[in-house]
Amino acid sequence: MVIDVKPQPFQLSACAEMLWQDKPIAWRALRLKEMGFGVGLWNWPDWDIDELEATGANFTIMNGYLEGRLADDEGAEMLLTSARECIEVGKRLGVDRLNLHGTGLGDGGIPIWQHDVVEGPLWLKAHDTLNRICDLAEAECVIFTLENLNLLDHPGCPFGKTSDVLALVSAVDRPQLRINLDLYHTQIGEGDLTRWCQKCLPWIGEVQIADNPGRCEPGTGEINYASIARALLEMGYNGPVGMEAFAANDPESSLEAFRSVFTVSETAV
């Protein structure tokens, strides 16, 4: 069944790996397509790419690396090598954005390369690595995003703070690198979500959302996402918004709650 979708100002998607976890991934992608949502992925090597490609879904974002890190020579080479592999898969699926973090994440999201204090030389190396990523992206006509993470769920993650991601992306300042502004992580790490949206606005490639606590859909926690949606529209943002959240109960109800909150009339702001 295809759901009748009302026009709304944002391009909405959802992470398929967090919903209907008892269903095959191609089924999830197809259901999201039927409901009018784009499809986000995490680790594409876990899935049959032929099956995903056959769904014809709009794949909006996926991991843009398999291993590596930003701030040392060995890690940078690993990152660039795996990014090239991800680009080829991303092109097959028509992925809009390839996502990066300061370091690869292991089981439970624990950073593989932990640095509680990130000093000057590491910043310079990360800046250089991201410029090399942009060179690759420019040659391949793709876009990468750098995502902020919270340091409670991802302890010791270098360049995980919203402020760190903004500093790096704005310093590189190339169209091939944007911010994946994850407001769930920002809420835990820094709060003040509307102001962070405003600060990051010139470099945002995607806004990701989940409520806190619980990491479920809007309306299940403390974040006033209706206010955030209005604020984003007022500041001129009409780009991608992805729900990277678990379903508190039924996934379809969770998705409709997400759609309802981010369907904002331009005459209402």
C-alpha atoms as a PDB file:
ATOM      1  CA  MET A   1       0.000   0.000   0.000  1.00  0.00           C
ATOM      2  CA  VAL A   2       1.355   3.418  -0.999  1.00  0.00           C
ATOM      3  CA  ILE A   3       0.568   6.176   1.495  1.00  0.00           C
ATOM      4  CA  ASP A   4      -0.711   9.552   0.295  1.00  0.00           C
ATOM      5  CA  VAL A   5       1.954  12.040   1.389  1.00  0.00           C
ATOM      6  CA  LYS A   6       1.226  15.726   1.942  1.00  0.00           C
ATOM      7  CA  PRO A   7       3.777  18.231   0.617  1.00  0.00           C
ATOM      8  CA  GLN A   8       6.285  19.359   3.241  1.00  0.00           C
ATOM      9  CA  PRO A   9       9.376  21.557   3.117  1.00  0.00           C
ATOM     10  CA  PHE A  10      11.990  19.015   4.212  1.00  0.00           C
ATOM     11  CA  GLN A  11      13.307  15.921   2.442  1.00  0.00           C
ATOM     12  CA  LEU A  12      12.480  13.172   4.950  1.00  0.00           C
ATOM     13  CA  SER A  13      14.252   9.844   5.314  1.00  0.00           C
ATOM     14  CA  ALA A  14      14.774   7.183   7.966  1.00  0.00           C
ATOM     15  CA  CYS A  15      17.526   4.756   8.896  1.00  0.00           C
ATOM     16  CA  ALA A  16      16.360   1.355   7.626  1.00  0.00           C
ATOM     17  CA  GLU A  17      18.695  -0.523   9.962  1.00  0.00           C
ATOM     18  CA  MET A  18      16.874   0.771  13.059  1.00  0.00           C
ATOM     19  CA  LEU A  19      13.320  -0.109  11.967  1.00  0.00           C
ATOM     20  CA  TRP A  20      11.530  -3.448  11.355  1.00  0.00           C
ATOM     21  CA  GLN A  21      14.641  -5.252  12.524  1.00  0.00           C
ATOM     22  CA  ASP A  22      12.949  -8.626  12.040  1.00  0.00           C
ATOM     23  CA  LYS A  23      12.453  -7.940   8.309  1.00  0.00           C
ATOM     24  CA  PRO A  24      14.948  -8.273   5.422  1.00  0.00           C
ATOM     25  CA  ILE A  25      16.724  -5.013   4.629  1.00  0.00           C
ATOM     26  CA  ALA A  26      15.312  -4.858   1.069  1.00  0.00           C
ATOM     27  CA  TRP A  27      11.785  -5.161   2.496  1.00  0.00           C
ATOM     28  CA  ARG A  28      12.504  -2.252   4.837  1.00  0.00           C
ATOM     29  CA  ALA A  29      13.880  -0.091   2.024  1.00  0.00           C
ATOM     30  CA  LEU A  30      10.859  -0.835  -0.150  1.00  0.00           C
ATOM     31  CA  ARG A  31       8.417  -0.060   2.666  1.00  0.00           C
ATOM     32  CA  LEU A  32      10.106   3.267   3.333  1.00  0.00           C
ATOM     33  CA  LYS A  33       9.883   4.040  -0.372  1.00  0.00           C
ATOM     34  CA  GLU A  34       6.151   3.186  -0.368  1.00  0.00           C
ATOM     35  CA  MET A  35       5.618   5.501   2.606  1.00  0.00           C
ATOM     36  CA  GLY A  36       7.387   8.365   0.839  1.00  0.00           C
ATOM     37  CA  PHE A  37      10.638   8.340   2.809  1.00  0.00           C
ATOM     38  CA  GLY A  38      14.247   8.205   1.714  1.00  0.00           C
ATOM     39  CA  VAL A  39      16.394   5.381   3.067  1.00  0.00           C
ATOM     40  CA  GLY A  40      19.446   5.722   5.282  1.00  0.00           C
ATOM     41  CA  LEU A  41      21.964   2.911   5.766  1.00  0.00           C
ATOM     42  CA  TRP A  42      24.857   2.279   8.121  1.00  0.00           C
ATOM     43  CA  ASN A  43      27.166  -0.589   7.156  1.00  0.00           C
ATOM     44  CA  TRP A  44      26.497  -1.622   3.579  1.00  0.00           C
ATOM     45  CA  PRO A  45      28.784  -4.727   3.698  1.00  0.00           C
ATOM     46  CA  ASP A  46      26.136  -6.359   5.911  1.00  0.00           C
ATOM     47  CA  TRP A  47      23.596  -6.318   3.066  1.00  0.00           C
ATOM     48  CA  ASP A  48      22.972  -7.636  -0.451  1.00  0.00           C
ATOM     49  CA  ILE A  49      23.585  -4.585  -2.634  1.00  0.00           C
ATOM     50  CA  ASP A  50      21.873  -6.182  -5.655  1.00  0.00           C
ATOM     51  CA  GLU A  51      18.653  -6.562  -3.657  1.00  0.00           C
ATOM     52  CA  LEU A  52      18.835  -3.007  -2.345  1.00  0.00           C
ATOM     53  CA  GLU A  53      19.506  -1.613  -5.809  1.00  0.00           C
ATOM     54  CA  ALA A  54      16.493  -3.498  -7.178  1.00  0.00           C
ATOM     55  CA  THR A  55      14.113  -1.740  -4.754  1.00  0.00           C
ATOM     56  CA  GLY A  56      14.558   1.574  -6.572  1.00  0.00           C
ATOM     57  CA  ALA A  57      14.494   3.334  -3.208  1.00  0.00           C
ATOM     58  CA  ASN A  58      16.001   6.781  -2.697  1.00  0.00           C
ATOM     59  CA  PHE A  59      19.093   6.028  -0.634  1.00  0.00           C
ATOM     60  CA  THR A  60      19.961   9.265   1.103  1.00  0.00           C
ATOM     61  CA  ILE A  61      22.990   8.500   3.276  1.00  0.00           C
ATOM     62  CA  MET A  62      25.294   5.617   4.197  1.00  0.00           C
ATOM     63  CA  ASN A  63      28.682   5.078   5.775  1.00  0.00           C
ATOM     64  CA  GLY A  64      31.362   6.559   3.546  1.00  0.00           C
ATOM     65  CA  TYR A  65      34.200   4.525   5.035  1.00  0.00           C
ATOM     66  CA  LEU A  66      34.788   1.058   6.464  1.00  0.00           C
ATOM     67  CA  GLU A  67      37.880   1.753   8.553  1.00  0.00           C
ATOM     68  CA  GLY A  68      40.329   4.507   9.324  1.00  0.00           C
ATOM     69  CA  ARG A  69      40.440   7.862  11.077  1.00  0.00           C
ATOM     70  CA  LEU A  70      41.169  11.506  10.405  1.00  0.00           C
ATOM     71  CA  ALA A  71      44.149  12.463  12.495  1.00  0.00           C
ATOM     72  CA  ASP A  72      47.155  10.190  11.806  1.00  0.00           C
ATOM     73  CA  ASP A  73      48.943   9.021   8.682  1.00  0.00           C
ATOM     74  CA  GLU A  74      48.052   5.340   8.887  1.00  0.00           C
ATOM     75  CA  GLY A  75      44.428   6.052   9.716  1.00  0.00           C
ATOM     76  CA  ALA A  76      44.117   8.582   6.914  1.00  0.00           C
ATOM     77  CA  GLU A  77      45.346   6.109   4.317  1.00  0.00           C
ATOM     78  CA  MET A  78      42.905   3.485   5.594  1.00  0.00           C
ATOM     79  CA  LEU A  79      40.103   6.037   5.451  1.00  0.00           C
ATOM     80  CA  LEU A  80      40.865   7.122   1.890  1.00  0.00           C
ATOM     81  CA  THR A  81      41.169   3.538   0.660  1.00  0.00           C
ATOM     82  CA  SER A  82      37.863   2.467   2.189  1.00  0.00           C
ATOM     83  CA  ALA A  83      36.164   5.688   1.040  1.00  0.00           C
ATOM     84  CA  ARG A  84      36.995   4.788  -2.564  1.00  0.00           C
ATOM     85  CA  GLU A  85      35.293   1.425  -2.085  1.00  0.00           C
ATOM     86  CA  CYS A  86      32.244   3.073  -0.528  1.00  0.00           C
ATOM     87  CA  ILE A  87      31.965   5.554  -3.378  1.00  0.00           C
ATOM     88  CA  GLU A  88      31.537   2.716  -5.871  1.00  0.00           C
ATOM     89  CA  VAL A  89      28.759   1.132  -3.832  1.00  0.00           C
ATOM     90  CA  GLY A  90      27.174   4.521  -3.225  1.00  0.00           C
ATOM     91  CA  LYS A  91      27.046   5.214  -6.932  1.00  0.00           C
ATOM     92  CA  ARG A  92      25.269   1.911  -7.544  1.00  0.00           C
ATOM     93  CA  LEU A  93      22.609   2.841  -5.016  1.00  0.00           C
ATOM     94  CA  GLY A  94      22.476   6.515  -5.989  1.00  0.00           C
ATOM     95  CA  VAL A  95      23.361   7.562  -2.446  1.00  0.00           C
ATOM     96  CA  ASP A  96      23.188  11.310  -1.861  1.00  0.00           C
ATOM     97  CA  ARG A  97      25.729  11.587   0.975  1.00  0.00           C
ATOM     98  CA  LEU A  98      28.572   9.419   2.309  1.00  0.00           C
ATOM     99  CA  ASN A  99      29.052   9.772   6.052  1.00  0.00           C
ATOM    100  CA  LEU A 100      32.262  10.048   8.086  1.00  0.00           C
ATOM    101  CA  HIS A 101      33.274  10.178  11.757  1.00  0.00           C
ATOM    102  CA  GLY A 102      36.508  11.202  13.443  1.00  0.00           C
ATOM    103  CA  THR A 103      37.381   7.518  13.788  1.00  0.00           C
ATOM    104  CA  GLY A 104      35.898   4.146  13.008  1.00  0.00           C
ATOM    105  CA  LEU A 105      33.433   2.782  15.549  1.00  0.00           C
ATOM    106  CA  GLY A 106      33.564  -0.722  16.997  1.00  0.00           C
ATOM    107  CA  ASP A 107      31.015  -2.853  18.806  1.00  0.00           C
ATOM    108  CA  GLY A 108      28.390  -0.792  20.587  1.00  0.00           C
ATOM    109  CA  GLY A 109      29.600   2.381  18.879  1.00  0.00           C
ATOM    110  CA  ILE A 110      32.812   2.510  20.933  1.00  0.00           C
ATOM    111  CA  PRO A 111      35.515   4.452  19.038  1.00  0.00           C
ATOM    112  CA  ILE A 112      38.360   2.255  17.849  1.00  0.00           C
ATOM    113  CA  TRP A 113      40.881   5.105  18.175  1.00  0.00           C
ATOM    114  CA  GLN A 114      40.162   7.060  21.357  1.00  0.00           C
ATOM    115  CA  HIS A 115      41.597  10.481  22.164  1.00  0.00           C
ATOM    116  CA  ASP A 116      40.106  12.427  25.064  1.00  0.00           C
ATOM    117  CA  VAL A 117      42.323  15.458  24.356  1.00  0.00           C
ATOM    118  CA  VAL A 118      42.735  16.494  20.729  1.00  0.00           C
ATOM    119  CA  GLU A 119      45.717  18.833  20.331  1.00  0.00           C
ATOM    120  CA  GLY A 120      47.020  21.031  17.517  1.00  0.00           C
ATOM    121  CA  PRO A 121      48.874  18.489  15.349  1.00  0.00           C
ATOM    122  CA  LEU A 122      45.838  16.213  15.295  1.00  0.00           C
ATOM    123  CA  TRP A 123      43.659  19.097  14.114  1.00  0.00           C
ATOM    124  CA  LEU A 124      46.080  19.887  11.319  1.00  0.00           C
ATOM    125  CA  LYS A 125      46.197  16.279  10.196  1.00  0.00           C
ATOM    126  CA  ALA A 126      42.396  15.972  10.293  1.00  0.00           C
ATOM    127  CA  HIS A 127      42.119  19.146   8.202  1.00  0.00           C
ATOM    128  CA  ASP A 128      44.550  17.682   5.666  1.00  0.00           C
ATOM    129  CA  THR A 129      42.721  14.338   5.554  1.00  0.00           C
ATOM    130  CA  LEU A 130      39.371  16.032   4.951  1.00  0.00           C
ATOM    131  CA  ASN A 131      40.867  18.070   2.120  1.00  0.00           C
ATOM    132  CA  ARG A 132      42.074  14.826   0.566  1.00  0.00           C
ATOM    133  CA  ILE A 133      38.561  13.414   0.981  1.00  0.00           C
ATOM    134  CA  CYS A 134      37.239  16.506  -0.816  1.00  0.00           C
ATOM    135  CA  ASP A 135      39.732  16.012  -3.650  1.00  0.00           C
ATOM    136  CA  LEU A 136      38.479  12.455  -4.047  1.00  0.00           C
ATOM    137  CA  ALA A 137      34.842  13.559  -3.801  1.00  0.00           C
ATOM    138  CA  GLU A 138      35.344  16.292  -6.392  1.00  0.00           C
ATOM    139  CA  ALA A 139      36.891  13.819  -8.836  1.00  0.00           C
ATOM    140  CA  GLU A 140      34.058  11.322  -8.271  1.00  0.00           C
ATOM    141  CA  CYS A 141      31.221  13.910  -8.110  1.00  0.00           C
ATOM    142  CA  VAL A 142      30.023  12.818  -4.658  1.00  0.00           C
ATOM    143  CA  ILE A 143      29.453  14.513  -1.298  1.00  0.00           C
ATOM    144  CA  PHE A 144      30.710  13.466   2.124  1.00  0.00           C
ATOM    145  CA  THR A 145      29.334  14.514   5.495  1.00  0.00           C
ATOM    146  CA  LEU A 146      31.078  14.605   8.880  1.00  0.00           C
ATOM    147  CA  GLU A 147      28.795  13.628  11.762  1.00  0.00           C
ATOM    148  CA  ASN A 148      28.930  14.784  15.366  1.00  0.00           C
ATOM    149  CA  LEU A 149      28.630  12.129  18.104  1.00  0.00           C
ATOM    150  CA  ASN A 150      28.008  12.370  21.829  1.00  0.00           C
ATOM    151  CA  LEU A 151      30.827  11.367  24.154  1.00  0.00           C
ATOM    152  CA  LEU A 152      28.629   9.386  26.549  1.00  0.00           C
ATOM    153  CA  ASP A 153      27.669   6.789  23.931  1.00  0.00           C
ATOM    154  CA  HIS A 154      30.983   7.168  22.065  1.00  0.00           C
ATOM    155  CA  PRO A 155      33.626   7.905  24.741  1.00  0.00           C
ATOM    156  CA  GLY A 156      36.929   9.301  23.590  1.00  0.00           C
ATOM    157  CA  CYS A 157      35.771   9.904  20.013  1.00  0.00           C
ATOM    158  CA  PRO A 158      38.065  12.528  18.465  1.00  0.00           C
ATOM    159  CA  PHE A 159      36.255  15.396  16.749  1.00  0.00           C
ATOM    160  CA  GLY A 160      32.941  14.078  18.036  1.00  0.00           C
ATOM    161  CA  LYS A 161      31.563  17.290  19.518  1.00  0.00           C
ATOM    162  CA  THR A 162      29.266  19.486  17.455  1.00  0.00           C
ATOM    163  CA  SER A 163      31.743  22.330  17.944  1.00  0.00           C
ATOM    164  CA  ASP A 164      34.598  20.165  16.619  1.00  0.00           C
ATOM    165  CA  VAL A 165      32.680  19.113  13.515  1.00  0.00           C
ATOM    166  CA  LEU A 166      31.682  22.700  12.803  1.00  0.00           C
ATOM    167  CA  ALA A 167      35.277  23.875  13.256  1.00  0.00           C
ATOM    168  CA  LEU A 168      36.646  21.290  10.832  1.00  0.00           C
ATOM    169  CA  VAL A 169      34.002  21.549   8.117  1.00  0.00           C
ATOM    170  CA  SER A 170      33.962  25.346   8.171  1.00  0.00           C
ATOM    171  CA  ALA A 171      37.775  25.455   8.042  1.00  0.00           C
ATOM    172  CA  VAL A 172      37.892  23.113   5.039  1.00  0.00           C
ATOM    173  CA  ASP A 173      34.933  25.032   3.536  1.00  0.00           C
ATOM    174  CA  ARG A 174      34.515  23.012   0.348  1.00  0.00           C
ATOM    175  CA  PRO A 175      31.189  21.968  -1.193  1.00  0.00           C
ATOM    176  CA  GLN A 176      32.214  18.306  -1.187  1.00  0.00           C
ATOM    177  CA  LEU A 177      32.157  18.233   2.646  1.00  0.00           C
ATOM    178  CA  ARG A 178      29.071  19.084   4.689  1.00  0.00           C
ATOM    179  CA  ILE A 179      27.929  18.597   8.282  1.00  0.00           C
ATOM    180  CA  ASN A 180      25.667  15.728   9.252  1.00  0.00           C
ATOM    181  CA  LEU A 181      24.168  17.561  12.217  1.00  0.00           C
ATOM    182  CA  ASP A 182      22.792  14.865  14.511  1.00  0.00           C
ATOM    183  CA  LEU A 183      20.580  16.661  17.018  1.00  0.00           C
ATOM    184  CA  TYR A 184      20.203  13.590  19.226  1.00  0.00           C
ATOM    185  CA  HIS A 185      23.948  13.673  19.833  1.00  0.00           C
ATOM    186  CA  THR A 186      23.991  17.460  20.161  1.00  0.00           C
ATOM    187  CA  GLN A 187      21.265  17.335  22.815  1.00  0.00           C
ATOM    188  CA  ILE A 188      23.284  14.907  24.936  1.00  0.00           C
ATOM    189  CA  GLY A 189      26.600  16.654  24.377  1.00  0.00           C
ATOM    190  CA  GLU A 190      25.793  20.338  24.269  1.00  0.00           C
ATOM    191  CA  GLY A 191      22.068  21.126  24.144  1.00  0.00           C
ATOM    192  CA  ASP A 192      20.974  24.520  22.772  1.00  0.00           C
ATOM    193  CA  LEU A 193      19.781  22.878  19.564  1.00  0.00           C
ATOM    194  CA  THR A 194      18.312  25.852  17.741  1.00  0.00           C
ATOM    195  CA  ARG A 195      21.477  27.909  18.133  1.00  0.00           C
ATOM    196  CA  TRP A 196      23.620  25.001  16.930  1.00  0.00           C
ATOM    197  CA  CYS A 197      21.396  24.686  13.867  1.00  0.00           C
ATOM    198  CA  GLN A 198      21.935  28.375  13.185  1.00  0.00           C
ATOM    199  CA  LYS A 199      25.722  28.155  13.665  1.00  0.00           C
ATOM    200  CA  CYS A 200      26.052  25.110  11.423  1.00  0.00           C
ATOM    201  CA  LEU A 201      23.509  26.239   8.829  1.00  0.00           C
ATOM    202  CA  PRO A 202      25.894  27.294   6.018  1.00  0.00           C
ATOM    203  CA  TRP A 203      27.540  23.865   6.062  1.00  0.00           C
ATOM    204  CA  ILE A 204      24.643  21.503   6.858  1.00  0.00           C
ATOM    205  CA  GLY A 205      24.235  18.593   4.456  1.00  0.00           C
ATOM    206  CA  GLU A 206      21.691  16.732   6.552  1.00  0.00           C
ATOM    207  CA  VAL A 207      19.958  17.082   9.906  1.00  0.00           C
ATOM    208  CA  GLN A 208      19.465  13.813  11.760  1.00  0.00           C
ATOM    209  CA  ILE A 209      17.026  13.428  14.614  1.00  0.00           C
ATOM    210  CA  ALA A 210      15.934  11.132  17.426  1.00  0.00           C
ATOM    211  CA  ASP A 211      14.381  12.009  20.755  1.00  0.00           C
ATOM    212  CA  ASN A 212      16.260  11.781  24.039  1.00  0.00           C
ATOM    213  CA  PRO A 213      16.300   9.775  26.227  1.00  0.00           C
ATOM    214  CA  GLY A 214      15.565   6.513  24.429  1.00  0.00           C
ATOM    215  CA  ARG A 215      16.634   7.403  20.869  1.00  0.00           C
ATOM    216  CA  CYS A 216      13.122   6.922  19.497  1.00  0.00           C
ATOM    217  CA  GLU A 217      10.837   9.068  17.335  1.00  0.00           C
ATOM    218  CA  PRO A 218       9.801  12.657  18.143  1.00  0.00           C
ATOM    219  CA  GLY A 219       7.347  12.917  21.021  1.00  0.00           C
ATOM    220  CA  THR A 220       8.914  10.161  23.125  1.00  0.00           C
ATOM    221  CA  GLY A 221      11.457  12.290  24.984  1.00  0.00           C
ATOM    222  CA  GLU A 222      12.430  15.788  26.031  1.00  0.00           C
ATOM    223  CA  ILE A 223      13.232  17.454  22.690  1.00  0.00           C
ATOM    224  CA  ASN A 224      10.650  19.851  21.255  1.00  0.00           C
ATOM    225  CA  TYR A 225      11.091  18.864  17.633  1.00  0.00           C
ATOM    226  CA  ALA A 226       8.068  20.859  16.500  1.00  0.00           C
ATOM    227  CA  SER A 227       9.914  23.978  17.647  1.00  0.00           C
ATOM    228  CA  ILE A 228      13.116  22.800  15.950  1.00  0.00           C
ATOM    229  CA  ALA A 229      11.249  22.197  12.671  1.00  0.00           C
ATOM    230  CA  ARG A 230       9.766  25.701  12.724  1.00  0.00           C
ATOM    231  CA  ALA A 231      13.139  27.212  13.573  1.00  0.00           C
ATOM    232  CA  LEU A 232      14.861  25.376  10.708  1.00  0.00           C
ATOM    233  CA  LEU A 233      12.260  26.657   8.270  1.00  0.00           C
ATOM    234  CA  GLU A 234      12.526  30.199   9.616  1.00  0.00           C
ATOM    235  CA  MET A 235      16.298  30.187   9.138  1.00  0.00           C
ATOM    236  CA  GLY A 236      15.858  29.031   5.532  1.00  0.00           C
ATOM    237  CA  TYR A 237      16.747  25.353   5.801  1.00  0.00           C
ATOM    238  CA  ASN A 238      14.684  23.081   3.544  1.00  0.00           C
ATOM    239  CA  GLY A 239      17.115  20.217   3.060  1.00  0.00           C
ATOM    240  CA  PRO A 240      17.292  16.602   4.225  1.00  0.00           C
ATOM    241  CA  VAL A 241      16.064  15.552   7.667  1.00  0.00           C
ATOM    242  CA  GLY A 242      16.707  11.939   8.593  1.00  0.00           C
ATOM    243  CA  MET A 243      15.165  10.010  11.474  1.00  0.00           C
ATOM    244  CA  GLU A 244      17.990   7.896  12.894  1.00  0.00           C
ATOM    245  CA  ALA A 245      15.861   6.405  15.641  1.00  0.00           C
ATOM    246  CA  PHE A 246      14.313   3.224  16.948  1.00  0.00           C
ATOM    247  CA  ALA A 247      10.546   2.829  17.015  1.00  0.00           C
ATOM    248  CA  ALA A 248       9.008   3.096  20.479  1.00  0.00           C
ATOM    249  CA  ASN A 249       6.241   0.750  19.312  1.00  0.00           C
ATOM    250  CA  ASP A 250       5.067   0.276  15.727  1.00  0.00           C
ATOM    251  CA  PRO A 251       7.575   1.546  13.121  1.00  0.00           C
ATOM    252  CA  GLU A 252       4.875   2.932  10.848  1.00  0.00           C
ATOM    253  CA  SER A 253       3.340   4.941  13.697  1.00  0.00           C
ATOM    254  CA  SER A 254       6.814   6.202  14.580  1.00  0.00           C
ATOM    255  CA  LEU A 255       7.408   7.301  11.002  1.00  0.00           C
ATOM    256  CA  GLU A 256       4.069   9.091  10.844  1.00  0.00           C
ATOM    257  CA  ALA A 257       4.899  10.921  14.096  1.00  0.00           C
ATOM    258  CA  PHE A 258       8.184  12.002  12.496  1.00  0.00           C
ATOM    259  CA  ARG A 259       6.417  13.101   9.311  1.00  0.00           C
ATOM    260  CA  SER A 260       3.787  15.036  11.252  1.00  0.00           C
ATOM    261  CA  VAL A 261       6.344  17.010  13.271  1.00  0.00           C
ATOM    262  CA  PHE A 262       8.415  17.924  10.205  1.00  0.00           C
ATOM    263  CA  THR A 263       5.476  18.794   7.957  1.00  0.00           C
ATOM    264  CA  VAL A 264       5.489  22.522   8.630  1.00  0.00           C
ATOM    265  CA  SER A 265       3.459  25.002   6.622  1.00  0.00           C
ATOM    266  CA  GLU A 266       5.564  27.909   5.421  1.00  0.00           C
ATOM    267  CA  THR A 267       2.640  30.189   6.258  1.00  0.00           C
ATOM    268  CA  ALA A 268       2.775  28.998   9.880  1.00  0.00           C
ATOM    269  CA  VAL A 269       6.254  30.367  10.614  1.00  0.00           C
END
